[in-house]
């Protein structure tokens, strides 16, 4: 007879920065001695999604892997569940995650860190890197004073300069590097537009308590 085994039996994505995503895999195995037929897979939970076929036929000793993604669309805890239907028994995998606030000023400093990396790699010269980092730091100071409009204007000037380095006369920055900087700067602008600089949603006034705001933040580099 077929025998289904699923690993892991539950998934906790942990803390994920607001509007970021995290992914992991779940393995479905057949530890029996007949073919296992997975007839359907269903995922419940608005913030979770999966990349999987509608059904599988798994030989004895075989396995398939599905990818599960959590999108931190809101602040706070999210739960969900995957149900795997088969001709053995139906199995559920519990899902949990938590969207957490991330300081836009910390993200902005990540822009400067990446610019410094491009300078070290010889893609930007010292003057070009300094010009970009001055804008980033000015935006950060504006964020610290809760001056969202000023920070947004400075970041837009940063984006324009990156575009010039990519596409202007004597362009020096590869498209891949420039697009990362532009995408990240736009992300910070959008984050401030909705949440300001302190994690308060401008649409409904909801915010995390100070105790819930993490003191150590993950900055993409």
N, C-alpha and C. Protein backbone atom coordinates (compact mmCIF):
# COMPACT_ATOMS: atom_id res chain seq x y z
N UNK A 1 0.85 -1.19 0.00
CA UNK A 1 0.00 0.00 0.00
C UNK A 1 0.88 1.24 0.00
N UNK A 2 0.35 2.34 -0.53
CA UNK A 2 1.11 3.60 -0.47
C UNK A 2 1.10 4.15 0.94
N UNK A 3 2.09 4.94 1.27
CA UNK A 3 2.14 5.59 2.58
C UNK A 3 2.76 6.97 2.41
N UNK A 4 1.99 8.00 2.71
CA UNK A 4 2.45 9.37 2.51
C UNK A 4 3.24 9.84 3.72
N UNK A 5 4.29 10.59 3.47
CA UNK A 5 5.07 11.26 4.52
C UNK A 5 5.35 12.68 4.04
N UNK A 6 5.16 13.63 4.91
CA UNK A 6 5.34 15.04 4.55
C UNK A 6 6.34 15.68 5.51
N UNK A 7 7.32 16.39 4.96
CA UNK A 7 8.34 17.04 5.78
C UNK A 7 8.63 18.44 5.23
N UNK A 8 8.61 19.45 6.11
CA UNK A 8 8.27 19.38 7.53
C UNK A 8 6.76 19.29 7.72
N UNK A 9 6.34 18.96 8.94
CA UNK A 9 4.91 18.85 9.22
C UNK A 9 4.29 20.21 9.50
N UNK A 10 5.12 21.22 9.77
CA UNK A 10 4.66 22.59 9.95
C UNK A 10 5.77 23.53 9.52
N UNK A 11 5.40 24.73 9.13
CA UNK A 11 6.37 25.73 8.64
C UNK A 11 6.16 27.03 9.40
N UNK A 12 7.22 27.54 10.00
CA UNK A 12 7.21 28.85 10.64
C UNK A 12 8.23 29.72 9.93
N UNK A 13 7.76 30.70 9.18
CA UNK A 13 8.66 31.59 8.45
C UNK A 13 9.35 32.58 9.37
N UNK A 14 8.87 32.70 10.60
CA UNK A 14 9.47 33.66 11.53
C UNK A 14 9.12 35.09 11.15
N UNK A 15 9.98 36.03 11.52
CA UNK A 15 9.77 37.44 11.23
C UNK A 15 10.22 37.75 9.81
N UNK A 16 9.35 38.42 9.06
CA UNK A 16 9.66 38.84 7.69
C UNK A 16 9.33 40.33 7.59
N UNK A 17 10.27 41.11 7.07
CA UNK A 17 10.06 42.55 6.96
C UNK A 17 8.82 42.85 6.13
N UNK A 18 8.08 43.86 6.55
CA UNK A 18 6.86 44.25 5.87
C UNK A 18 7.09 44.43 4.37
N UNK A 19 6.18 43.87 3.59
CA UNK A 19 6.18 43.91 2.12
C UNK A 19 7.30 43.10 1.49
N UNK A 20 8.03 42.35 2.28
CA UNK A 20 9.01 41.42 1.72
C UNK A 20 8.36 40.03 1.65
N UNK A 21 9.10 39.07 1.13
CA UNK A 21 8.59 37.71 1.06
C UNK A 21 9.67 36.73 1.48
N UNK A 22 9.24 35.55 1.85
CA UNK A 22 10.15 34.46 2.21
C UNK A 22 9.57 33.17 1.63
N UNK A 23 10.45 32.25 1.27
CA UNK A 23 9.95 31.00 0.73
C UNK A 23 10.71 29.81 1.30
N UNK A 24 10.07 28.67 1.26
CA UNK A 24 10.67 27.43 1.71
C UNK A 24 10.07 26.29 0.90
N UNK A 25 10.48 25.08 1.18
CA UNK A 25 9.96 23.93 0.44
C UNK A 25 9.36 22.91 1.40
N UNK A 26 8.41 22.17 0.88
CA UNK A 26 7.80 21.05 1.60
C UNK A 26 7.93 19.82 0.71
N UNK A 27 8.39 18.73 1.28
CA UNK A 27 8.60 17.50 0.52
C UNK A 27 7.50 16.49 0.84
N UNK A 28 6.91 15.95 -0.22
CA UNK A 28 5.90 14.89 -0.09
C UNK A 28 6.54 13.60 -0.58
N UNK A 29 6.61 12.60 0.29
CA UNK A 29 7.28 11.35 -0.04
C UNK A 29 6.31 10.17 0.04
N UNK A 30 6.65 9.12 -0.68
CA UNK A 30 5.92 7.86 -0.60
C UNK A 30 6.85 6.83 0.03
N UNK A 31 6.57 6.49 1.29
CA UNK A 31 7.40 5.51 2.00
C UNK A 31 6.74 4.13 2.00
N UNK A 32 5.67 3.98 1.19
CA UNK A 32 5.01 2.69 1.08
C UNK A 32 5.58 1.87 -0.05
N UNK A 33 4.86 0.78 -0.43
CA UNK A 33 5.35 -0.10 -1.49
C UNK A 33 4.47 -0.13 -2.72
N UNK A 34 3.47 0.77 -2.80
CA UNK A 34 2.66 0.96 -4.01
C UNK A 34 2.67 2.43 -4.38
N UNK A 35 2.32 2.72 -5.65
CA UNK A 35 2.27 4.11 -6.09
C UNK A 35 1.30 4.92 -5.24
N UNK A 36 1.74 6.15 -4.91
CA UNK A 36 0.91 7.08 -4.14
C UNK A 36 0.33 8.11 -5.10
N UNK A 37 -0.98 8.31 -5.02
CA UNK A 37 -1.64 9.31 -5.86
C UNK A 37 -2.06 10.49 -4.99
N UNK A 38 -1.41 11.63 -5.21
CA UNK A 38 -1.83 12.89 -4.58
C UNK A 38 -2.85 13.50 -5.52
N UNK A 39 -4.07 13.60 -5.06
CA UNK A 39 -5.17 14.00 -5.95
C UNK A 39 -5.44 15.50 -5.95
N UNK A 40 -4.99 16.21 -4.91
CA UNK A 40 -5.23 17.66 -4.87
C UNK A 40 -4.40 18.26 -3.75
N UNK A 41 -4.05 19.53 -3.92
CA UNK A 41 -3.38 20.29 -2.87
C UNK A 41 -4.11 21.61 -2.74
N UNK A 42 -4.35 22.03 -1.50
CA UNK A 42 -5.09 23.27 -1.25
C UNK A 42 -4.36 24.07 -0.18
N UNK A 43 -4.22 25.37 -0.42
CA UNK A 43 -3.57 26.23 0.57
C UNK A 43 -4.56 27.28 1.05
N UNK A 44 -4.61 27.47 2.34
CA UNK A 44 -5.51 28.42 2.97
C UNK A 44 -4.67 29.47 3.69
N UNK A 45 -5.05 30.73 3.58
CA UNK A 45 -4.30 31.83 4.21
C UNK A 45 -3.94 32.86 3.16
N UNK A 46 -4.45 34.08 3.35
CA UNK A 46 -4.32 35.12 2.32
C UNK A 46 -2.87 35.48 2.01
N UNK A 47 -1.98 35.35 2.99
CA UNK A 47 -0.60 35.79 2.80
C UNK A 47 0.33 34.68 2.31
N UNK A 48 -0.24 33.49 2.06
CA UNK A 48 0.57 32.35 1.65
C UNK A 48 0.18 31.88 0.26
N UNK A 49 1.18 31.36 -0.47
CA UNK A 49 0.92 30.79 -1.79
C UNK A 49 1.88 29.62 -1.99
N UNK A 50 1.59 28.80 -2.99
CA UNK A 50 2.48 27.67 -3.26
C UNK A 50 2.60 27.44 -4.75
N UNK A 51 3.72 26.88 -5.13
CA UNK A 51 3.99 26.50 -6.51
C UNK A 51 3.97 24.98 -6.56
N UNK A 52 2.87 24.41 -7.06
CA UNK A 52 2.70 22.96 -7.06
C UNK A 52 1.76 22.56 -8.19
N UNK A 53 1.90 21.33 -8.67
CA UNK A 53 0.98 20.79 -9.65
C UNK A 53 -0.35 20.47 -8.97
N UNK A 54 -1.38 20.23 -9.80
CA UNK A 54 -2.69 19.89 -9.25
C UNK A 54 -2.68 18.50 -8.61
N UNK A 55 -1.89 17.59 -9.15
CA UNK A 55 -1.84 16.23 -8.62
C UNK A 55 -0.49 15.61 -8.96
N UNK A 56 -0.17 14.53 -8.26
CA UNK A 56 1.10 13.84 -8.46
C UNK A 56 0.88 12.33 -8.35
N UNK A 57 1.68 11.59 -9.09
CA UNK A 57 1.82 10.16 -8.89
C UNK A 57 3.25 9.89 -8.45
N UNK A 58 3.40 9.35 -7.23
CA UNK A 58 4.73 9.18 -6.64
C UNK A 58 5.02 7.69 -6.45
N UNK A 59 6.08 7.24 -7.05
CA UNK A 59 6.47 5.84 -6.92
C UNK A 59 6.99 5.54 -5.52
N UNK A 60 6.98 4.25 -5.12
CA UNK A 60 7.56 3.90 -3.82
C UNK A 60 9.01 4.40 -3.71
N UNK A 61 9.32 5.07 -2.61
CA UNK A 61 10.65 5.62 -2.41
C UNK A 61 10.85 6.97 -3.08
N UNK A 62 9.86 7.44 -3.81
CA UNK A 62 9.99 8.72 -4.51
C UNK A 62 9.45 9.88 -3.70
N UNK A 63 9.65 11.07 -4.21
CA UNK A 63 9.16 12.28 -3.53
C UNK A 63 9.01 13.41 -4.52
N UNK A 64 8.24 14.40 -4.15
CA UNK A 64 8.11 15.64 -4.91
C UNK A 64 8.28 16.80 -3.92
N UNK A 65 8.69 17.93 -4.45
CA UNK A 65 8.92 19.11 -3.61
C UNK A 65 8.05 20.26 -4.11
N UNK A 66 7.36 20.91 -3.20
CA UNK A 66 6.57 22.08 -3.54
C UNK A 66 7.17 23.30 -2.84
N UNK A 67 7.02 24.44 -3.45
CA UNK A 67 7.55 25.69 -2.90
C UNK A 67 6.42 26.49 -2.28
N UNK A 68 6.63 26.94 -1.05
CA UNK A 68 5.63 27.71 -0.32
C UNK A 68 6.21 29.10 -0.06
N UNK A 69 5.40 30.13 -0.31
CA UNK A 69 5.85 31.52 -0.17
C UNK A 69 4.95 32.27 0.80
N UNK A 70 5.57 33.06 1.64
CA UNK A 70 4.85 33.98 2.52
C UNK A 70 5.14 35.40 2.08
N UNK A 71 4.10 36.20 1.87
CA UNK A 71 4.24 37.61 1.54
C UNK A 71 3.76 38.43 2.73
N UNK A 72 4.66 39.24 3.28
CA UNK A 72 4.32 40.03 4.46
C UNK A 72 3.52 41.26 4.02
N UNK A 73 2.23 41.04 3.74
CA UNK A 73 1.38 42.12 3.25
C UNK A 73 0.90 43.04 4.36
N UNK A 74 1.02 42.59 5.60
CA UNK A 74 0.55 43.40 6.72
C UNK A 74 1.44 43.14 7.92
N UNK A 75 1.32 44.01 8.91
CA UNK A 75 2.08 43.86 10.15
C UNK A 75 1.34 42.90 11.08
N UNK A 76 2.10 42.03 11.72
CA UNK A 76 1.48 41.12 12.68
C UNK A 76 1.53 39.68 12.22
N UNK A 77 0.84 38.83 12.98
CA UNK A 77 0.89 37.39 12.76
C UNK A 77 -0.03 36.96 11.62
N UNK A 78 0.42 35.96 10.87
CA UNK A 78 -0.38 35.33 9.82
C UNK A 78 -0.31 33.82 10.01
N UNK A 79 -1.44 33.16 9.77
CA UNK A 79 -1.47 31.70 9.83
C UNK A 79 -2.15 31.16 8.59
N UNK A 80 -1.82 29.94 8.24
CA UNK A 80 -2.43 29.29 7.09
C UNK A 80 -2.26 27.79 7.20
N UNK A 81 -2.64 27.10 6.14
CA UNK A 81 -2.60 25.64 6.18
C UNK A 81 -2.57 25.10 4.75
N UNK A 82 -1.76 24.10 4.55
CA UNK A 82 -1.78 23.33 3.30
C UNK A 82 -2.44 22.00 3.58
N UNK A 83 -3.39 21.63 2.73
CA UNK A 83 -4.02 20.31 2.84
C UNK A 83 -3.63 19.50 1.61
N UNK A 84 -3.11 18.31 1.86
CA UNK A 84 -2.66 17.42 0.79
C UNK A 84 -3.57 16.20 0.78
N UNK A 85 -4.32 16.06 -0.31
CA UNK A 85 -5.26 14.95 -0.44
C UNK A 85 -4.60 13.82 -1.23
N UNK A 86 -4.76 12.60 -0.75
CA UNK A 86 -4.13 11.46 -1.43
C UNK A 86 -4.98 10.21 -1.26
N UNK A 87 -4.56 9.12 -1.93
CA UNK A 87 -5.28 7.85 -1.77
C UNK A 87 -4.80 7.08 -0.55
N UNK A 88 -3.90 7.69 0.25
CA UNK A 88 -3.55 7.13 1.55
C UNK A 88 -4.36 7.86 2.61
N UNK A 89 -3.82 8.89 3.19
CA UNK A 89 -4.56 9.73 4.13
C UNK A 89 -4.33 11.18 3.73
N UNK A 90 -5.22 12.06 4.15
CA UNK A 90 -5.05 13.49 3.91
C UNK A 90 -4.16 14.06 5.00
N UNK A 91 -3.24 14.94 4.59
CA UNK A 91 -2.26 15.50 5.53
C UNK A 91 -2.34 17.02 5.48
N UNK A 92 -2.18 17.66 6.64
CA UNK A 92 -2.15 19.12 6.70
C UNK A 92 -0.79 19.59 7.18
N UNK A 93 -0.39 20.72 6.67
CA UNK A 93 0.86 21.38 7.09
C UNK A 93 0.47 22.77 7.59
N UNK A 94 0.70 23.03 8.86
CA UNK A 94 0.39 24.34 9.44
C UNK A 94 1.44 25.36 9.02
N UNK A 95 0.98 26.58 8.70
CA UNK A 95 1.86 27.67 8.28
C UNK A 95 1.71 28.84 9.25
N UNK A 96 2.81 29.48 9.57
CA UNK A 96 2.78 30.67 10.41
C UNK A 96 3.91 31.61 10.02
N UNK A 97 3.69 32.88 10.25
CA UNK A 97 4.69 33.90 9.92
C UNK A 97 4.28 35.20 10.60
N UNK A 98 5.18 36.15 10.57
CA UNK A 98 4.91 37.44 11.22
C UNK A 98 5.52 38.56 10.41
N UNK A 99 4.69 39.49 9.97
CA UNK A 99 5.18 40.68 9.28
C UNK A 99 5.64 41.71 10.30
N UNK A 100 6.86 42.20 10.17
CA UNK A 100 7.41 43.13 11.15
C UNK A 100 7.82 44.44 10.47
N UNK A 101 7.81 45.48 11.28
CA UNK A 101 8.19 46.80 10.80
C UNK A 101 9.70 46.86 10.55
N UNK A 102 10.09 47.59 9.52
CA UNK A 102 11.50 47.81 9.23
C UNK A 102 11.69 49.32 9.02
N UNK A 103 12.68 49.86 9.66
CA UNK A 103 12.95 51.29 9.64
C UNK A 103 13.39 51.72 8.24
N UNK A 104 12.67 52.64 7.58
CA UNK A 104 13.08 53.09 6.25
C UNK A 104 14.50 53.68 6.24
N UNK A 105 14.91 54.32 7.34
CA UNK A 105 16.27 54.88 7.38
C UNK A 105 17.32 53.78 7.32
N UNK A 106 17.04 52.63 7.94
CA UNK A 106 17.96 51.49 7.86
C UNK A 106 18.04 50.96 6.44
N UNK A 107 16.88 50.89 5.78
CA UNK A 107 16.88 50.45 4.39
C UNK A 107 17.65 51.43 3.51
N UNK A 108 17.50 52.71 3.78
CA UNK A 108 18.22 53.72 3.00
C UNK A 108 19.73 53.56 3.17
N UNK A 109 20.16 53.27 4.38
CA UNK A 109 21.59 53.06 4.61
C UNK A 109 22.09 51.86 3.82
N UNK A 110 21.20 50.88 3.60
CA UNK A 110 21.55 49.74 2.76
C UNK A 110 21.85 50.16 1.33
N UNK A 111 21.19 51.21 0.85
CA UNK A 111 21.49 51.74 -0.49
C UNK A 111 22.94 52.21 -0.55
N UNK A 112 23.34 52.95 0.49
CA UNK A 112 24.71 53.48 0.50
C UNK A 112 25.73 52.34 0.61
N UNK A 113 25.39 51.32 1.38
CA UNK A 113 26.29 50.17 1.48
C UNK A 113 26.49 49.51 0.11
N UNK A 114 25.41 49.43 -0.65
CA UNK A 114 25.52 48.82 -1.99
C UNK A 114 26.31 49.72 -2.93
N UNK A 115 26.09 51.03 -2.83
CA UNK A 115 26.87 51.98 -3.63
C UNK A 115 28.35 51.85 -3.31
N UNK A 116 28.69 51.71 -2.03
CA UNK A 116 30.09 51.53 -1.63
C UNK A 116 30.67 50.25 -2.23
N UNK A 117 29.85 49.22 -2.28
CA UNK A 117 30.28 47.97 -2.92
C UNK A 117 30.58 48.20 -4.40
N UNK A 118 29.73 48.96 -5.09
CA UNK A 118 29.96 49.24 -6.50
C UNK A 118 31.24 50.06 -6.69
N UNK A 119 31.53 50.94 -5.73
CA UNK A 119 32.79 51.70 -5.80
C UNK A 119 33.99 50.76 -5.62
N UNK A 120 33.89 49.88 -4.64
CA UNK A 120 34.99 48.95 -4.39
C UNK A 120 35.25 48.03 -5.59
N UNK A 121 34.17 47.73 -6.34
CA UNK A 121 34.29 46.87 -7.51
C UNK A 121 34.77 47.63 -8.75
N UNK A 122 34.95 48.95 -8.62
CA UNK A 122 35.42 49.75 -9.73
C UNK A 122 34.34 50.16 -10.71
N UNK A 123 33.07 49.96 -10.36
CA UNK A 123 31.97 50.34 -11.24
C UNK A 123 31.71 51.84 -11.14
N UNK A 124 31.77 52.38 -9.93
CA UNK A 124 31.62 53.81 -9.71
C UNK A 124 32.94 54.37 -9.18
N UNK A 125 33.22 55.62 -9.54
CA UNK A 125 34.40 56.26 -8.95
C UNK A 125 34.01 56.91 -7.62
N UNK A 126 34.99 57.44 -6.91
CA UNK A 126 34.74 57.98 -5.58
C UNK A 126 33.72 59.13 -5.62
N UNK A 127 33.85 60.01 -6.60
CA UNK A 127 32.94 61.15 -6.68
C UNK A 127 31.51 60.72 -6.94
N UNK A 128 31.32 59.76 -7.85
CA UNK A 128 29.97 59.27 -8.14
C UNK A 128 29.35 58.60 -6.91
N UNK A 129 30.13 57.76 -6.24
CA UNK A 129 29.62 57.08 -5.05
C UNK A 129 29.29 58.07 -3.95
N UNK A 130 30.15 59.07 -3.74
CA UNK A 130 29.90 60.06 -2.70
C UNK A 130 28.62 60.85 -2.99
N UNK A 131 28.42 61.19 -4.27
CA UNK A 131 27.23 61.95 -4.64
C UNK A 131 25.96 61.18 -4.31
N UNK A 132 25.97 59.88 -4.59
CA UNK A 132 24.79 59.06 -4.29
C UNK A 132 24.60 58.91 -2.78
N UNK A 133 25.69 58.65 -2.06
CA UNK A 133 25.57 58.41 -0.63
C UNK A 133 25.17 59.68 0.13
N UNK A 134 25.59 60.85 -0.34
CA UNK A 134 25.15 62.10 0.29
C UNK A 134 23.63 62.21 0.21
N UNK A 135 23.07 61.86 -0.93
CA UNK A 135 21.61 61.92 -1.08
C UNK A 135 20.94 60.93 -0.14
N UNK A 136 21.48 59.72 -0.06
CA UNK A 136 20.90 58.71 0.82
C UNK A 136 20.92 59.18 2.27
N UNK A 137 22.04 59.74 2.70
CA UNK A 137 22.16 60.17 4.10
C UNK A 137 21.26 61.38 4.38
N UNK A 138 21.12 62.27 3.40
CA UNK A 138 20.18 63.38 3.57
C UNK A 138 18.75 62.86 3.70
N UNK A 139 18.42 61.84 2.92
CA UNK A 139 17.08 61.23 3.04
C UNK A 139 16.91 60.60 4.41
N UNK A 140 17.96 59.93 4.89
CA UNK A 140 17.89 59.31 6.22
C UNK A 140 17.67 60.33 7.31
N UNK A 141 18.36 61.47 7.23
CA UNK A 141 18.18 62.52 8.24
C UNK A 141 16.76 63.07 8.20
N UNK A 142 16.21 63.20 6.99
CA UNK A 142 14.83 63.67 6.87
C UNK A 142 13.86 62.65 7.49
N UNK A 143 14.14 61.37 7.30
CA UNK A 143 13.29 60.34 7.90
C UNK A 143 13.33 60.42 9.41
N UNK A 144 14.52 60.65 9.97
CA UNK A 144 14.65 60.73 11.42
C UNK A 144 13.86 61.90 11.98
N UNK A 145 13.65 62.93 11.18
CA UNK A 145 12.84 64.08 11.59
C UNK A 145 11.38 63.93 11.15
N UNK A 146 11.03 62.75 10.62
CA UNK A 146 9.68 62.45 10.16
C UNK A 146 9.25 63.37 9.02
N UNK A 147 10.20 63.77 8.19
CA UNK A 147 9.91 64.63 7.04
C UNK A 147 9.81 63.74 5.79
N UNK A 148 8.64 63.12 5.64
CA UNK A 148 8.45 62.13 4.58
C UNK A 148 8.58 62.77 3.20
N UNK A 149 7.99 63.93 3.01
CA UNK A 149 8.03 64.56 1.69
C UNK A 149 9.47 64.89 1.28
N UNK A 150 10.24 65.44 2.22
CA UNK A 150 11.63 65.76 1.91
C UNK A 150 12.42 64.50 1.59
N UNK A 151 12.23 63.47 2.41
CA UNK A 151 12.94 62.21 2.17
C UNK A 151 12.57 61.63 0.80
N UNK A 152 11.29 61.72 0.44
CA UNK A 152 10.84 61.21 -0.86
C UNK A 152 11.49 61.98 -2.00
N UNK A 153 11.53 63.31 -1.88
CA UNK A 153 12.14 64.13 -2.93
C UNK A 153 13.62 63.80 -3.11
N UNK A 154 14.32 63.61 -1.98
CA UNK A 154 15.75 63.30 -2.06
C UNK A 154 15.96 61.92 -2.70
N UNK A 155 15.14 60.96 -2.32
CA UNK A 155 15.27 59.62 -2.92
C UNK A 155 14.94 59.64 -4.40
N UNK A 156 14.00 60.47 -4.81
CA UNK A 156 13.71 60.62 -6.24
C UNK A 156 14.91 61.21 -6.98
N UNK A 157 15.60 62.16 -6.34
CA UNK A 157 16.82 62.71 -6.94
C UNK A 157 17.89 61.62 -7.04
N UNK A 158 17.96 60.76 -6.03
CA UNK A 158 18.88 59.61 -6.06
C UNK A 158 18.56 58.71 -7.24
N UNK A 159 17.27 58.42 -7.44
CA UNK A 159 16.85 57.56 -8.57
C UNK A 159 17.23 58.20 -9.90
N UNK A 160 17.02 59.50 -10.03
CA UNK A 160 17.37 60.19 -11.28
C UNK A 160 18.86 60.10 -11.56
N UNK A 161 19.67 60.21 -10.51
CA UNK A 161 21.12 60.14 -10.71
C UNK A 161 21.54 58.72 -11.09
N UNK A 162 20.92 57.73 -10.47
CA UNK A 162 21.23 56.35 -10.85
C UNK A 162 20.86 56.11 -12.31
N UNK A 163 19.72 56.61 -12.72
CA UNK A 163 19.32 56.49 -14.12
C UNK A 163 20.34 57.14 -15.05
N UNK A 164 20.86 58.28 -14.64
CA UNK A 164 21.87 58.96 -15.46
C UNK A 164 23.14 58.12 -15.57
N UNK A 165 23.52 57.48 -14.46
CA UNK A 165 24.70 56.62 -14.50
C UNK A 165 24.48 55.38 -15.36
N UNK A 166 23.22 54.96 -15.49
CA UNK A 166 22.92 53.79 -16.31
C UNK A 166 22.76 54.13 -17.79
N UNK A 167 22.10 55.26 -18.05
CA UNK A 167 21.66 55.52 -19.42
C UNK A 167 22.17 56.83 -20.01
N UNK A 168 22.82 57.64 -19.20
CA UNK A 168 23.30 58.91 -19.70
C UNK A 168 24.54 58.77 -20.57
N UNK A 169 25.04 59.89 -21.03
CA UNK A 169 26.25 59.89 -21.84
C UNK A 169 27.42 59.32 -21.02
N UNK A 170 28.11 58.37 -21.61
CA UNK A 170 29.20 57.72 -20.90
C UNK A 170 28.71 56.89 -19.72
N UNK A 171 27.59 56.21 -19.90
CA UNK A 171 26.99 55.43 -18.82
C UNK A 171 28.01 54.47 -18.21
N UNK A 172 27.97 54.35 -16.89
CA UNK A 172 28.99 53.56 -16.19
C UNK A 172 28.40 52.41 -15.38
N UNK A 173 27.10 52.47 -15.11
CA UNK A 173 26.51 51.48 -14.21
C UNK A 173 25.74 50.43 -14.99
N UNK A 174 26.04 49.15 -14.80
CA UNK A 174 25.27 48.09 -15.46
C UNK A 174 23.80 48.15 -15.06
N UNK A 175 22.94 47.73 -15.97
CA UNK A 175 21.50 47.77 -15.75
C UNK A 175 21.10 47.01 -14.48
N UNK A 176 21.68 45.86 -14.26
CA UNK A 176 21.29 45.03 -13.12
C UNK A 176 21.54 45.75 -11.80
N UNK A 177 22.70 46.39 -11.68
CA UNK A 177 23.02 47.10 -10.45
C UNK A 177 22.13 48.32 -10.26
N UNK A 178 21.95 49.07 -11.34
CA UNK A 178 21.13 50.27 -11.25
C UNK A 178 19.68 49.96 -10.93
N UNK A 179 19.15 48.90 -11.53
CA UNK A 179 17.76 48.55 -11.28
C UNK A 179 17.54 48.11 -9.84
N UNK A 180 18.53 47.44 -9.26
CA UNK A 180 18.38 47.07 -7.85
C UNK A 180 18.26 48.32 -6.98
N UNK A 181 19.14 49.30 -7.23
CA UNK A 181 19.09 50.54 -6.45
C UNK A 181 17.76 51.26 -6.64
N UNK A 182 17.29 51.33 -7.87
CA UNK A 182 16.03 52.03 -8.16
C UNK A 182 14.85 51.31 -7.52
N UNK A 183 14.82 49.99 -7.65
CA UNK A 183 13.72 49.21 -7.06
C UNK A 183 13.68 49.37 -5.56
N UNK A 184 14.85 49.33 -4.93
CA UNK A 184 14.91 49.45 -3.47
C UNK A 184 14.53 50.86 -3.03
N UNK A 185 14.98 51.87 -3.75
CA UNK A 185 14.61 53.25 -3.40
C UNK A 185 13.11 53.46 -3.55
N UNK A 186 12.52 52.94 -4.60
CA UNK A 186 11.07 53.05 -4.78
C UNK A 186 10.32 52.30 -3.69
N UNK A 187 10.88 51.17 -3.27
CA UNK A 187 10.27 50.41 -2.18
C UNK A 187 10.21 51.26 -0.91
N UNK A 188 11.31 51.95 -0.60
CA UNK A 188 11.35 52.79 0.59
C UNK A 188 10.34 53.93 0.47
N UNK A 189 10.25 54.54 -0.70
CA UNK A 189 9.28 55.62 -0.92
C UNK A 189 7.86 55.12 -0.70
N UNK A 190 7.53 53.96 -1.27
CA UNK A 190 6.18 53.40 -1.11
C UNK A 190 5.91 53.05 0.35
N UNK A 191 6.92 52.53 1.05
CA UNK A 191 6.77 52.18 2.46
C UNK A 191 6.42 53.42 3.28
N UNK A 192 7.14 54.50 3.05
CA UNK A 192 6.86 55.73 3.78
C UNK A 192 5.50 56.31 3.41
N UNK A 193 5.10 56.15 2.17
CA UNK A 193 3.82 56.69 1.72
C UNK A 193 2.66 56.07 2.49
N UNK A 194 2.76 54.79 2.80
CA UNK A 194 1.69 54.09 3.52
C UNK A 194 1.87 54.15 5.02
N UNK A 195 3.10 53.93 5.50
CA UNK A 195 3.34 53.78 6.93
C UNK A 195 4.08 54.94 7.56
N UNK A 196 4.44 55.97 6.78
CA UNK A 196 5.26 57.03 7.34
C UNK A 196 6.64 56.50 7.67
N UNK A 197 7.25 57.06 8.69
CA UNK A 197 8.58 56.60 9.09
C UNK A 197 8.56 55.81 10.38
N UNK A 198 7.33 55.58 10.92
CA UNK A 198 7.26 54.96 12.26
C UNK A 198 6.34 53.76 12.32
N UNK A 199 5.93 53.22 11.18
CA UNK A 199 5.12 52.01 11.20
C UNK A 199 3.64 52.24 11.40
N UNK A 200 3.17 53.47 11.18
CA UNK A 200 1.74 53.76 11.32
C UNK A 200 1.10 53.79 9.95
N UNK A 201 0.06 52.99 9.76
CA UNK A 201 -0.65 52.92 8.49
C UNK A 201 -1.47 54.19 8.33
N UNK A 202 -1.18 54.98 7.27
CA UNK A 202 -1.88 56.25 7.08
C UNK A 202 -3.35 56.06 6.75
N UNK A 203 -3.75 54.84 6.36
CA UNK A 203 -5.14 54.61 5.98
C UNK A 203 -6.02 54.31 7.20
N UNK A 204 -5.48 53.59 8.19
CA UNK A 204 -6.34 53.21 9.31
C UNK A 204 -5.75 53.52 10.68
N UNK A 205 -4.57 54.15 10.70
CA UNK A 205 -3.98 54.54 11.98
C UNK A 205 -3.44 53.40 12.81
N UNK A 206 -3.39 52.19 12.24
CA UNK A 206 -2.89 51.05 12.99
C UNK A 206 -1.37 51.08 13.03
N UNK A 207 -0.83 50.67 14.16
CA UNK A 207 0.62 50.63 14.27
C UNK A 207 1.01 49.50 15.21
N UNK A 208 2.28 49.10 15.16
CA UNK A 208 2.80 48.15 16.11
C UNK A 208 3.18 48.88 17.39
N UNK A 209 3.05 48.21 18.51
CA UNK A 209 3.52 48.80 19.74
C UNK A 209 5.05 48.82 19.71
N UNK A 210 5.63 49.67 20.54
CA UNK A 210 7.08 49.80 20.56
C UNK A 210 7.73 48.46 20.89
N UNK A 211 7.12 47.70 21.78
CA UNK A 211 7.70 46.42 22.18
C UNK A 211 7.76 45.43 21.02
N UNK A 212 6.86 45.59 20.03
CA UNK A 212 6.81 44.65 18.93
C UNK A 212 7.76 45.02 17.80
N UNK A 213 8.26 46.24 17.79
CA UNK A 213 9.15 46.67 16.72
C UNK A 213 10.53 46.06 16.96
N UNK A 214 11.06 45.29 16.02
CA UNK A 214 12.34 44.63 16.26
C UNK A 214 13.48 45.63 16.36
N UNK A 215 14.47 45.33 17.20
CA UNK A 215 15.61 46.22 17.35
C UNK A 215 16.71 45.90 16.36
N UNK A 216 16.70 44.68 15.81
CA UNK A 216 17.68 44.28 14.81
C UNK A 216 16.96 44.07 13.49
N UNK A 217 17.36 44.82 12.48
CA UNK A 217 16.65 44.79 11.20
C UNK A 217 17.50 44.18 10.12
N UNK A 218 16.87 43.42 9.23
CA UNK A 218 17.58 42.81 8.11
C UNK A 218 17.55 43.77 6.94
N UNK A 219 18.71 44.16 6.46
CA UNK A 219 18.80 45.09 5.33
C UNK A 219 19.34 44.33 4.14
N UNK A 220 18.64 44.43 3.02
CA UNK A 220 19.11 43.75 1.82
C UNK A 220 20.39 44.40 1.32
N UNK A 221 21.35 43.57 0.98
CA UNK A 221 22.60 44.09 0.42
C UNK A 221 22.95 43.31 -0.82
